[in-house]
Amino acid sequence: MDRPTEDRWHKFEALGAKAVRQNIASKVYGEQNRRLAEAWLEHKATLAAHESGLRNDDSSREQIRIALSAKNAAWIAAIAAIVAAIAAVIAVYPSLYPWTP
């Protein structure tokens, strides 16, 4: 990007996207500045979309981590239930079938 374009983009940045859009709609800019303003707005939109994608990636990773944690907790609960069932069978067995020598 050349220096005049960079300077113009800094001015657009100082104005903000809303004001730049209003200036474009009001035909405040000449043809060249209008094109630069539109390019700047497109650049800002691309950056926003990219940042949004990064937030979505972080959110997806967090959702996967939570789901894996829930899956592990479910397995632990299932194993504990099996152990409890085996212990119950062992505890009840002698009362059902007493051992006599």
Protein backbone atom coordinates (compact mmCIF):
# COMPACT_ATOMS: atom_id res chain seq x y z
CA MET A 1 0.00 0.00 0.00
CA ASP A 2 1.45 3.39 -0.94
CA ARG A 3 1.84 6.22 1.57
CA PRO A 4 -1.13 8.39 0.41
CA THR A 5 -3.46 5.37 0.57
CA GLU A 6 -2.14 4.48 4.00
CA ASP A 7 -2.67 8.06 5.20
CA ARG A 8 -6.21 8.02 3.84
CA TRP A 9 -6.95 4.71 5.59
CA HIS A 10 -5.73 6.24 8.87
CA LYS A 11 -8.18 9.10 8.33
CA PHE A 12 -10.97 6.61 7.65
CA GLU A 13 -9.99 4.77 10.82
CA ALA A 14 -10.19 8.00 12.80
CA LEU A 15 -13.66 8.72 11.38
CA GLY A 16 -14.97 5.22 11.93
CA ALA A 17 -16.91 2.91 9.65
CA LYS A 18 -20.29 4.51 10.28
CA ALA A 19 -19.09 8.01 9.34
CA VAL A 20 -17.26 6.70 6.26
CA ARG A 21 -20.43 4.94 5.08
CA GLN A 22 -22.41 8.13 5.62
CA ASN A 23 -19.82 10.14 3.68
CA ILE A 24 -19.98 7.67 0.80
CA ALA A 25 -23.78 7.84 0.78
CA SER A 26 -23.65 11.64 0.92
CA LYS A 27 -21.12 11.70 -1.94
CA VAL A 28 -18.62 13.63 0.19
CA TYR A 29 -15.68 11.80 -1.36
CA GLY A 30 -14.44 12.14 -4.91
CA GLU A 31 -14.19 9.05 -7.09
CA GLN A 32 -10.71 8.03 -5.94
CA ASN A 33 -11.43 8.59 -2.24
CA ARG A 34 -14.76 6.80 -2.58
CA ARG A 35 -12.97 3.75 -3.99
CA LEU A 36 -10.40 3.92 -1.18
CA ALA A 37 -13.18 4.25 1.39
CA GLU A 38 -15.02 1.25 -0.05
CA ALA A 39 -11.79 -0.76 -0.08
CA TRP A 40 -11.18 0.24 3.55
CA LEU A 41 -14.72 -0.80 4.54
CA GLU A 42 -14.26 -4.12 2.74
CA HIS A 43 -10.94 -4.62 4.53
CA LYS A 44 -12.61 -3.89 7.89
CA ALA A 45 -15.41 -6.34 7.09
CA THR A 46 -12.88 -9.03 6.17
CA LEU A 47 -11.00 -8.48 9.43
CA ALA A 48 -14.24 -8.63 11.42
CA ALA A 49 -15.25 -11.86 9.70
CA HIS A 50 -11.82 -13.36 10.38
CA GLU A 51 -11.97 -12.37 14.06
CA SER A 52 -15.47 -13.78 14.30
CA GLY A 53 -14.19 -17.03 12.81
CA LEU A 54 -11.43 -17.15 15.39
CA ARG A 55 -13.94 -16.64 18.18
CA ASN A 56 -16.06 -19.42 16.68
CA ASP A 57 -13.01 -21.69 16.57
CA ASP A 58 -12.31 -20.97 20.23
CA SER A 59 -15.95 -21.59 21.07
CA SER A 60 -15.93 -24.86 19.12
CA ARG A 61 -12.79 -26.02 20.91
CA GLU A 62 -14.38 -25.21 24.26
CA GLN A 63 -17.57 -27.08 23.32
CA ILE A 64 -15.52 -30.12 22.28
CA ARG A 65 -13.56 -29.98 25.55
CA ILE A 66 -16.79 -29.83 27.56
CA ALA A 67 -18.32 -32.70 25.57
CA LEU A 68 -15.23 -34.87 26.12
CA SER A 69 -15.31 -34.07 29.82
CA ALA A 70 -18.99 -35.05 29.99
CA LYS A 71 -18.26 -38.27 28.12
CA ASN A 72 -15.48 -39.14 30.56
CA ALA A 73 -17.77 -38.40 33.51
CA ALA A 74 -20.45 -40.67 32.01
CA TRP A 75 -17.94 -43.52 31.64
CA ILE A 76 -16.81 -43.09 35.24
CA ALA A 77 -20.42 -43.15 36.43
CA ALA A 78 -21.14 -46.28 34.37
CA ILE A 79 -18.09 -48.07 35.77
CA ALA A 80 -19.05 -47.04 39.31
CA ALA A 81 -22.57 -48.43 38.74
CA ILE A 82 -21.16 -51.74 37.51
CA VAL A 83 -18.85 -52.00 40.53
CA ALA A 84 -21.79 -51.19 42.84
CA ALA A 85 -23.93 -53.86 41.16
CA ILE A 86 -21.17 -56.46 41.56
CA ALA A 87 -20.72 -55.48 45.22
CA ALA A 88 -24.48 -55.80 45.79
CA VAL A 89 -24.55 -59.26 44.24
CA ILE A 90 -21.61 -60.35 46.40
CA ALA A 91 -23.29 -58.94 49.51
CA VAL A 92 -26.67 -60.59 48.83
CA TYR A 93 -25.37 -63.96 47.63
CA PRO A 94 -24.52 -65.40 51.08
CA SER A 95 -28.00 -64.60 52.41
CA LEU A 96 -29.63 -66.38 49.47
CA TYR A 97 -27.32 -69.37 49.46
CA PRO A 98 -25.91 -69.89 52.93
CA TRP A 99 -22.69 -71.86 53.11
CA THR A 100 -22.80 -74.88 55.34
CA PRO A 101 -19.75 -77.09 55.83
